[in-house]
């Protein structure tokens, strides 16, 4: 086993990712440059509605988001604002052998009202997209 594979398996174990071809597709994973927060509608906050939206998309070789689609959600009312926000995100693209490449990712956006939870969740959590084999949490709420 060469050092590149050893490193990839160690990285996958550290991130709790399954090892797959997706992980090996890039030498460097994409990194966020700008992430607009999804809007948490006033009536949903007032009614104390929390939820989760999972979005799959491609980060192009230019660092833009393309083909964003909701793959699942616990509350349909969060889907439109989540997609609108994610479509505005910008990234440093994934790199393979020194060349920018498109990467398919999946991100989970959690709409959370911290005052409803004893431990008091972080208001906004930084999220980095992961290869399609993983989920990332991006918490929204106040």
C-alpha atoms as a PDB file:
ATOM      1  CA  UNK A   1       0.000   0.000   0.000  1.00  0.00           C
ATOM      2  CA  UNK A   2       1.520   3.311  -1.008  1.00  0.00           C
ATOM      3  CA  UNK A   3       1.703   6.351   1.252  1.00  0.00           C
ATOM      4  CA  UNK A   4      -1.103   8.137  -0.634  1.00  0.00           C
ATOM      5  CA  UNK A   5      -3.555   5.313   0.077  1.00  0.00           C
ATOM      6  CA  UNK A   6      -2.354   5.042   3.675  1.00  0.00           C
ATOM      7  CA  UNK A   7      -2.959   8.770   4.152  1.00  0.00           C
ATOM      8  CA  UNK A   8      -6.413   8.555   2.520  1.00  0.00           C
ATOM      9  CA  UNK A   9      -7.458   5.668   4.785  1.00  0.00           C
ATOM     10  CA  UNK A  10      -6.174   7.520   7.869  1.00  0.00           C
ATOM     11  CA  UNK A  11      -8.018  10.672   6.798  1.00  0.00           C
ATOM     12  CA  UNK A  12     -11.209   8.702   6.174  1.00  0.00           C
ATOM     13  CA  UNK A  13     -10.948   7.103   9.614  1.00  0.00           C
ATOM     14  CA  UNK A  14     -10.361  10.469  11.281  1.00  0.00           C
ATOM     15  CA  UNK A  15     -13.364  11.979   9.504  1.00  0.00           C
ATOM     16  CA  UNK A  16     -15.457   8.814   9.972  1.00  0.00           C
ATOM     17  CA  UNK A  17     -15.912   8.599   6.201  1.00  0.00           C
ATOM     18  CA  UNK A  18     -16.272   5.400   4.261  1.00  0.00           C
ATOM     19  CA  UNK A  19     -13.264   4.965   1.991  1.00  0.00           C
ATOM     20  CA  UNK A  20     -14.345   5.003  -1.638  1.00  0.00           C
ATOM     21  CA  UNK A  21     -13.403   6.262  -5.059  1.00  0.00           C
ATOM     22  CA  UNK A  22     -14.957   9.631  -4.193  1.00  0.00           C
ATOM     23  CA  UNK A  23     -12.339  10.257  -1.513  1.00  0.00           C
ATOM     24  CA  UNK A  24      -9.526   9.500  -3.987  1.00  0.00           C
ATOM     25  CA  UNK A  25     -10.984  11.708  -6.733  1.00  0.00           C
ATOM     26  CA  UNK A  26      -9.138  14.764  -5.433  1.00  0.00           C
ATOM     27  CA  UNK A  27      -5.827  15.397  -3.724  1.00  0.00           C
ATOM     28  CA  UNK A  28      -7.303  18.447  -1.965  1.00  0.00           C
ATOM     29  CA  UNK A  29     -10.963  18.720  -1.002  1.00  0.00           C
ATOM     30  CA  UNK A  30     -12.906  21.913  -1.732  1.00  0.00           C
ATOM     31  CA  UNK A  31     -12.849  24.586   0.960  1.00  0.00           C
ATOM     32  CA  UNK A  32     -15.523  27.225   1.546  1.00  0.00           C
ATOM     33  CA  UNK A  33     -14.718  30.831   0.692  1.00  0.00           C
ATOM     34  CA  UNK A  34     -18.176  32.320   1.224  1.00  0.00           C
ATOM     35  CA  UNK A  35     -21.291  30.702   2.747  1.00  0.00           C
ATOM     36  CA  UNK A  36     -24.568  32.608   2.917  1.00  0.00           C
ATOM     37  CA  UNK A  37     -26.792  31.475   5.817  1.00  0.00           C
ATOM     38  CA  UNK A  38     -30.234  30.159   4.894  1.00  0.00           C
ATOM     39  CA  UNK A  39     -33.060  32.352   6.144  1.00  0.00           C
ATOM     40  CA  UNK A  40     -34.999  30.980   9.131  1.00  0.00           C
ATOM     41  CA  UNK A  41     -38.548  32.264   8.581  1.00  0.00           C
ATOM     42  CA  UNK A  42     -40.091  34.260  11.429  1.00  0.00           C
ATOM     43  CA  UNK A  43     -43.243  32.122  11.582  1.00  0.00           C
ATOM     44  CA  UNK A  44     -41.177  28.916  11.816  1.00  0.00           C
ATOM     45  CA  UNK A  45     -39.126  30.425  14.659  1.00  0.00           C
ATOM     46  CA  UNK A  46     -42.278  31.662  16.389  1.00  0.00           C
ATOM     47  CA  UNK A  47     -43.881  28.212  16.126  1.00  0.00           C
ATOM     48  CA  UNK A  48     -40.588  26.647  17.302  1.00  0.00           C
ATOM     49  CA  UNK A  49     -40.261  24.489  14.201  1.00  0.00           C
ATOM     50  CA  UNK A  50     -36.847  22.914  13.771  1.00  0.00           C
ATOM     51  CA  UNK A  51     -35.718  20.808  10.852  1.00  0.00           C
ATOM     52  CA  UNK A  52     -33.018  19.382   8.649  1.00  0.00           C
ATOM     53  CA  UNK A  53     -32.409  19.659   4.903  1.00  0.00           C
ATOM     54  CA  UNK A  54     -29.905  17.473   3.038  1.00  0.00           C
ATOM     55  CA  UNK A  55     -28.675  18.940  -0.250  1.00  0.00           C
ATOM     56  CA  UNK A  56     -26.496  17.292  -2.904  1.00  0.00           C
ATOM     57  CA  UNK A  57     -24.629  19.472  -5.380  1.00  0.00           C
ATOM     58  CA  UNK A  58     -21.525  19.792  -7.486  1.00  0.00           C
ATOM     59  CA  UNK A  59     -18.731  22.219  -6.736  1.00  0.00           C
ATOM     60  CA  UNK A  60     -17.416  23.113 -10.184  1.00  0.00           C
ATOM     61  CA  UNK A  61     -13.765  23.508 -11.102  1.00  0.00           C
ATOM     62  CA  UNK A  62     -14.416  27.274 -10.840  1.00  0.00           C
ATOM     63  CA  UNK A  63     -15.664  26.921  -7.233  1.00  0.00           C
ATOM     64  CA  UNK A  64     -19.336  27.562  -7.972  1.00  0.00           C
ATOM     65  CA  UNK A  65     -22.309  25.444  -6.858  1.00  0.00           C
ATOM     66  CA  UNK A  66     -24.169  23.615  -9.650  1.00  0.00           C
ATOM     67  CA  UNK A  67     -27.075  21.164  -9.799  1.00  0.00           C
ATOM     68  CA  UNK A  68     -28.139  21.672  -6.180  1.00  0.00           C
ATOM     69  CA  UNK A  69     -31.065  19.418  -5.218  1.00  0.00           C
ATOM     70  CA  UNK A  70     -32.734  18.568  -1.933  1.00  0.00           C
ATOM     71  CA  UNK A  71     -32.263  14.854  -1.282  1.00  0.00           C
ATOM     72  CA  UNK A  72     -34.279  14.830   1.954  1.00  0.00           C
ATOM     73  CA  UNK A  73     -35.785  17.133   4.535  1.00  0.00           C
ATOM     74  CA  UNK A  74     -37.796  16.942   7.719  1.00  0.00           C
ATOM     75  CA  UNK A  75     -39.679  20.171   6.969  1.00  0.00           C
ATOM     76  CA  UNK A  76     -40.555  21.218   3.413  1.00  0.00           C
ATOM     77  CA  UNK A  77     -40.757  24.886   4.461  1.00  0.00           C
ATOM     78  CA  UNK A  78     -36.943  24.984   4.892  1.00  0.00           C
ATOM     79  CA  UNK A  79     -36.092  23.612   1.435  1.00  0.00           C
ATOM     80  CA  UNK A  80     -36.435  26.744  -0.727  1.00  0.00           C
ATOM     81  CA  UNK A  81     -34.346  29.014   1.524  1.00  0.00           C
ATOM     82  CA  UNK A  82     -31.700  26.319   1.941  1.00  0.00           C
ATOM     83  CA  UNK A  83     -31.324  25.865  -1.818  1.00  0.00           C
ATOM     84  CA  UNK A  84     -31.267  29.632  -2.372  1.00  0.00           C
ATOM     85  CA  UNK A  85     -28.450  30.040   0.153  1.00  0.00           C
ATOM     86  CA  UNK A  86     -26.355  27.085  -1.035  1.00  0.00           C
ATOM     87  CA  UNK A  87     -26.542  28.244  -4.657  1.00  0.00           C
ATOM     88  CA  UNK A  88     -24.728  31.435  -3.550  1.00  0.00           C
ATOM     89  CA  UNK A  89     -21.873  29.605  -1.789  1.00  0.00           C
ATOM     90  CA  UNK A  90     -18.358  29.935  -3.234  1.00  0.00           C
ATOM     91  CA  UNK A  91     -15.442  27.528  -2.800  1.00  0.00           C
ATOM     92  CA  UNK A  92     -11.814  26.951  -3.554  1.00  0.00           C
ATOM     93  CA  UNK A  93     -12.329  23.915  -5.804  1.00  0.00           C
ATOM     94  CA  UNK A  94     -11.004  20.439  -5.201  1.00  0.00           C
ATOM     95  CA  UNK A  95      -7.595  19.816  -6.758  1.00  0.00           C
ATOM     96  CA  UNK A  96      -6.217  16.711  -8.420  1.00  0.00           C
ATOM     97  CA  UNK A  97      -2.627  16.657  -9.583  1.00  0.00           C
ATOM     98  CA  UNK A  98      -2.558  20.455  -9.381  1.00  0.00           C
ATOM     99  CA  UNK A  99      -5.676  20.928 -11.528  1.00  0.00           C
ATOM    100  CA  UNK A 100      -9.050  22.163 -10.274  1.00  0.00           C
ATOM    101  CA  UNK A 101     -11.736  19.478 -10.599  1.00  0.00           C
ATOM    102  CA  UNK A 102     -15.498  19.311 -10.046  1.00  0.00           C
ATOM    103  CA  UNK A 103     -16.582  17.429  -6.916  1.00  0.00           C
ATOM    104  CA  UNK A 104     -19.972  16.065  -5.880  1.00  0.00           C
ATOM    105  CA  UNK A 105     -20.822  16.855  -2.251  1.00  0.00           C
ATOM    106  CA  UNK A 106     -23.675  16.495   0.209  1.00  0.00           C
ATOM    107  CA  UNK A 107     -24.384  18.971   2.999  1.00  0.00           C
ATOM    108  CA  UNK A 108     -26.861  18.801   5.880  1.00  0.00           C
ATOM    109  CA  UNK A 109     -28.337  22.091   7.048  1.00  0.00           C
ATOM    110  CA  UNK A 110     -29.918  21.961  10.503  1.00  0.00           C
ATOM    111  CA  UNK A 111     -32.410  24.623  11.543  1.00  0.00           C
ATOM    112  CA  UNK A 112     -32.024  24.738  15.312  1.00  0.00           C
ATOM    113  CA  UNK A 113     -33.418  26.973  18.047  1.00  0.00           C
ATOM    114  CA  UNK A 114     -30.713  26.767  20.742  1.00  0.00           C
ATOM    115  CA  UNK A 115     -32.985  27.898  23.586  1.00  0.00           C
ATOM    116  CA  UNK A 116     -35.006  24.694  23.114  1.00  0.00           C
ATOM    117  CA  UNK A 117     -31.993  22.557  24.012  1.00  0.00           C
ATOM    118  CA  UNK A 118     -30.306  22.358  27.400  1.00  0.00           C
ATOM    119  CA  UNK A 119     -26.783  22.283  25.981  1.00  0.00           C
ATOM    120  CA  UNK A 120     -27.410  25.450  23.906  1.00  0.00           C
ATOM    121  CA  UNK A 121     -26.320  24.726  20.345  1.00  0.00           C
ATOM    122  CA  UNK A 122     -23.997  27.084  18.523  1.00  0.00           C
ATOM    123  CA  UNK A 123     -25.915  29.754  16.631  1.00  0.00           C
ATOM    124  CA  UNK A 124     -24.095  29.343  13.338  1.00  0.00           C
ATOM    125  CA  UNK A 125     -21.725  26.446  12.774  1.00  0.00           C
ATOM    126  CA  UNK A 126     -19.111  26.568  10.023  1.00  0.00           C
ATOM    127  CA  UNK A 127     -19.641  23.828   7.477  1.00  0.00           C
ATOM    128  CA  UNK A 128     -17.222  22.380   4.990  1.00  0.00           C
ATOM    129  CA  UNK A 129     -18.675  20.199   2.284  1.00  0.00           C
ATOM    130  CA  UNK A 130     -17.526  16.610   2.263  1.00  0.00           C
ATOM    131  CA  UNK A 131     -17.395  14.094  -0.556  1.00  0.00           C
ATOM    132  CA  UNK A 132     -20.762  12.576  -1.342  1.00  0.00           C
ATOM    133  CA  UNK A 133     -19.921   9.751   1.055  1.00  0.00           C
ATOM    134  CA  UNK A 134     -20.310  12.066   4.059  1.00  0.00           C
ATOM    135  CA  UNK A 135     -22.651  14.581   5.652  1.00  0.00           C
ATOM    136  CA  UNK A 136     -21.755  17.951   7.042  1.00  0.00           C
ATOM    137  CA  UNK A 137     -23.841  19.865   9.539  1.00  0.00           C
ATOM    138  CA  UNK A 138     -24.528  23.548   9.111  1.00  0.00           C
ATOM    139  CA  UNK A 139     -26.674  24.826  11.983  1.00  0.00           C
ATOM    140  CA  UNK A 140     -28.929  27.851  11.554  1.00  0.00           C
ATOM    141  CA  UNK A 141     -30.821  29.504  14.351  1.00  0.00           C
ATOM    142  CA  UNK A 142     -30.866  31.977  17.192  1.00  0.00           C
END
